[in-house]
Amino acid sequence: MRLARVVGQVVSTAKVSELSGTTILVVEDIDTAPDGTDRRSYAAVDLVGAGQEEIVLVVSGGAARVDPATTGVPVDQAIVAIADTIVTHGEVTYSK
């Protein structure tokens, strides 16, 4: 799992039928390096109703296809949780 921030949404009028009714969001990995060099953006299917700028947990590969909504669907990234609070080394580093 990776922590990411929702930074946008994908609008698609044509897609495979298995993706009909899904919301696809653009997420950006949370910085892991002080200079932000590890940051990248990618599309992920939203399974939890995440909103713009929320911090989310993203799974990839086979883990993205475990949920009943994505089983057998051509999905490589899925948002599976919305973070309310993040505690790092005993300190709250994020709180909604």
C-alpha atoms as a PDB file:
ATOM      1  CA  MET A   1       0.000   0.000   0.000  1.00  0.00           C
ATOM      2  CA  ARG A   2       1.049   3.555  -0.685  1.00  0.00           C
ATOM      3  CA  LEU A   3      -0.125   6.876   0.683  1.00  0.00           C
ATOM      4  CA  ALA A   4      -1.279   9.290  -1.999  1.00  0.00           C
ATOM      5  CA  ARG A   5      -3.233  12.540  -2.370  1.00  0.00           C
ATOM      6  CA  VAL A   6      -6.191  12.858  -4.743  1.00  0.00           C
ATOM      7  CA  VAL A   7      -5.288  15.579  -7.255  1.00  0.00           C
ATOM      8  CA  GLY A   8      -7.846  15.104 -10.038  1.00  0.00           C
ATOM      9  CA  GLN A   9     -10.430  12.979 -11.808  1.00  0.00           C
ATOM     10  CA  VAL A  10     -10.452  11.145 -15.131  1.00  0.00           C
ATOM     11  CA  VAL A  11     -13.527  11.632 -17.333  1.00  0.00           C
ATOM     12  CA  SER A  12     -13.933   8.900 -19.927  1.00  0.00           C
ATOM     13  CA  THR A  13     -16.832   8.547 -22.347  1.00  0.00           C
ATOM     14  CA  ALA A  14     -15.476   5.315 -23.828  1.00  0.00           C
ATOM     15  CA  LYS A  15     -14.090   2.500 -21.680  1.00  0.00           C
ATOM     16  CA  VAL A  16     -14.348  -1.262 -21.294  1.00  0.00           C
ATOM     17  CA  SER A  17     -17.746  -2.327 -19.975  1.00  0.00           C
ATOM     18  CA  GLU A  18     -16.259  -3.665 -16.727  1.00  0.00           C
ATOM     19  CA  LEU A  19     -15.265  -0.109 -15.783  1.00  0.00           C
ATOM     20  CA  SER A  20     -18.749   1.357 -16.346  1.00  0.00           C
ATOM     21  CA  GLY A  21     -19.979   3.085 -13.225  1.00  0.00           C
ATOM     22  CA  THR A  22     -16.531   3.376 -11.671  1.00  0.00           C
ATOM     23  CA  THR A  23     -14.847   6.618 -10.698  1.00  0.00           C
ATOM     24  CA  ILE A  24     -11.241   6.960 -11.761  1.00  0.00           C
ATOM     25  CA  LEU A  25      -9.189   9.502  -9.835  1.00  0.00           C
ATOM     26  CA  VAL A  26      -5.724  10.930 -10.401  1.00  0.00           C
ATOM     27  CA  VAL A  27      -3.565  10.488  -7.317  1.00  0.00           C
ATOM     28  CA  GLU A  28      -0.055  11.615  -6.484  1.00  0.00           C
ATOM     29  CA  ASP A  29       2.229   9.699  -4.142  1.00  0.00           C
ATOM     30  CA  ILE A  30       3.008  11.494  -0.900  1.00  0.00           C
ATOM     31  CA  ASP A  31       6.600  12.748  -0.870  1.00  0.00           C
ATOM     32  CA  THR A  32       9.066  10.247   0.528  1.00  0.00           C
ATOM     33  CA  ALA A  33      12.113  12.396  -0.178  1.00  0.00           C
ATOM     34  CA  PRO A  34      12.559  15.929   1.215  1.00  0.00           C
ATOM     35  CA  ASP A  35      13.007  17.379  -2.273  1.00  0.00           C
ATOM     36  CA  GLY A  36       9.872  15.648  -3.633  1.00  0.00           C
ATOM     37  CA  THR A  37      11.764  13.579  -6.204  1.00  0.00           C
ATOM     38  CA  ASP A  38       9.763  10.431  -5.425  1.00  0.00           C
ATOM     39  CA  ARG A  39       6.443  12.040  -6.342  1.00  0.00           C
ATOM     40  CA  ARG A  40       4.478  10.542  -9.259  1.00  0.00           C
ATOM     41  CA  SER A  41       0.908  10.794 -10.530  1.00  0.00           C
ATOM     42  CA  TYR A  42      -1.267   7.930 -11.752  1.00  0.00           C
ATOM     43  CA  ALA A  43      -4.892   6.888 -12.218  1.00  0.00           C
ATOM     44  CA  ALA A  44      -6.639   4.677  -9.667  1.00  0.00           C
ATOM     45  CA  VAL A  45     -10.165   3.259  -9.412  1.00  0.00           C
ATOM     46  CA  ASP A  46     -11.920   4.751  -6.376  1.00  0.00           C
ATOM     47  CA  LEU A  47     -13.573   2.061  -4.228  1.00  0.00           C
ATOM     48  CA  VAL A  48     -14.338   4.271  -1.202  1.00  0.00           C
ATOM     49  CA  GLY A  49     -15.705   7.625  -2.428  1.00  0.00           C
ATOM     50  CA  ALA A  50     -12.568   9.719  -1.970  1.00  0.00           C
ATOM     51  CA  GLY A  51     -12.631  13.440  -2.645  1.00  0.00           C
ATOM     52  CA  GLN A  52     -10.266  16.057  -4.017  1.00  0.00           C
ATOM     53  CA  GLU A  53      -7.131  16.611  -1.874  1.00  0.00           C
ATOM     54  CA  GLU A  54      -7.898  13.696   0.476  1.00  0.00           C
ATOM     55  CA  ILE A  55      -5.080  11.410   1.586  1.00  0.00           C
ATOM     56  CA  VAL A  56      -5.812   7.832   0.523  1.00  0.00           C
ATOM     57  CA  LEU A  57      -4.306   4.347   0.614  1.00  0.00           C
ATOM     58  CA  VAL A  58      -3.670   2.845  -2.814  1.00  0.00           C
ATOM     59  CA  VAL A  59      -3.005  -0.807  -3.638  1.00  0.00           C
ATOM     60  CA  SER A  60      -1.617  -2.055  -6.932  1.00  0.00           C
ATOM     61  CA  GLY A  61      -1.345  -5.173  -9.051  1.00  0.00           C
ATOM     62  CA  GLY A  62      -3.322  -8.214  -7.947  1.00  0.00           C
ATOM     63  CA  ALA A  63      -4.297  -6.502  -4.682  1.00  0.00           C
ATOM     64  CA  ALA A  64      -6.252  -3.946  -6.742  1.00  0.00           C
ATOM     65  CA  ARG A  65      -8.460  -6.749  -8.076  1.00  0.00           C
ATOM     66  CA  VAL A  66      -9.411  -8.417  -4.765  1.00  0.00           C
ATOM     67  CA  ASP A  67     -12.486  -6.256  -4.090  1.00  0.00           C
ATOM     68  CA  PRO A  68     -15.726  -7.640  -5.616  1.00  0.00           C
ATOM     69  CA  ALA A  69     -16.062  -4.401  -7.621  1.00  0.00           C
ATOM     70  CA  THR A  70     -12.733  -5.021  -9.389  1.00  0.00           C
ATOM     71  CA  THR A  71     -12.504  -8.825  -9.596  1.00  0.00           C
ATOM     72  CA  GLY A  72     -11.799  -9.707 -13.222  1.00  0.00           C
ATOM     73  CA  VAL A  73     -11.617  -6.026 -14.190  1.00  0.00           C
ATOM     74  CA  PRO A  74      -8.506  -4.634 -15.931  1.00  0.00           C
ATOM     75  CA  VAL A  75      -7.411  -2.508 -12.961  1.00  0.00           C
ATOM     76  CA  ASP A  76      -3.850  -2.008 -11.710  1.00  0.00           C
ATOM     77  CA  GLN A  77      -4.374   0.689  -9.024  1.00  0.00           C
ATOM     78  CA  ALA A  78      -7.257   0.981  -6.546  1.00  0.00           C
ATOM     79  CA  ILE A  79      -8.047   3.382  -3.714  1.00  0.00           C
ATOM     80  CA  VAL A  80      -9.072   1.242  -0.730  1.00  0.00           C
ATOM     81  CA  ALA A  81      -9.115   3.679   2.226  1.00  0.00           C
ATOM     82  CA  ILE A  82      -9.301   7.357   3.134  1.00  0.00           C
ATOM     83  CA  ALA A  83      -6.873   8.428   5.865  1.00  0.00           C
ATOM     84  CA  ASP A  84      -8.334  10.313   8.820  1.00  0.00           C
ATOM     85  CA  THR A  85      -5.127  10.537  10.857  1.00  0.00           C
ATOM     86  CA  ILE A  86      -1.509   9.539  10.221  1.00  0.00           C
ATOM     87  CA  VAL A  87       0.881   9.084  13.138  1.00  0.00           C
ATOM     88  CA  THR A  88       4.602   8.812  12.360  1.00  0.00           C
ATOM     89  CA  HIS A  89       7.189   8.150  15.077  1.00  0.00           C
ATOM     90  CA  GLY A  90       4.583   8.929  17.728  1.00  0.00           C
ATOM     91  CA  GLU A  91       3.616  12.300  16.226  1.00  0.00           C
ATOM     92  CA  VAL A  92       0.444  13.153  14.338  1.00  0.00           C
ATOM     93  CA  THR A  93       1.688  14.128  10.875  1.00  0.00           C
ATOM     94  CA  TYR A  94      -1.744  14.358   9.241  1.00  0.00           C
ATOM     95  CA  SER A  95      -5.250  14.841  10.577  1.00  0.00           C
ATOM     96  CA  LYS A  96      -8.336  15.395   8.478  1.00  0.00           C
END
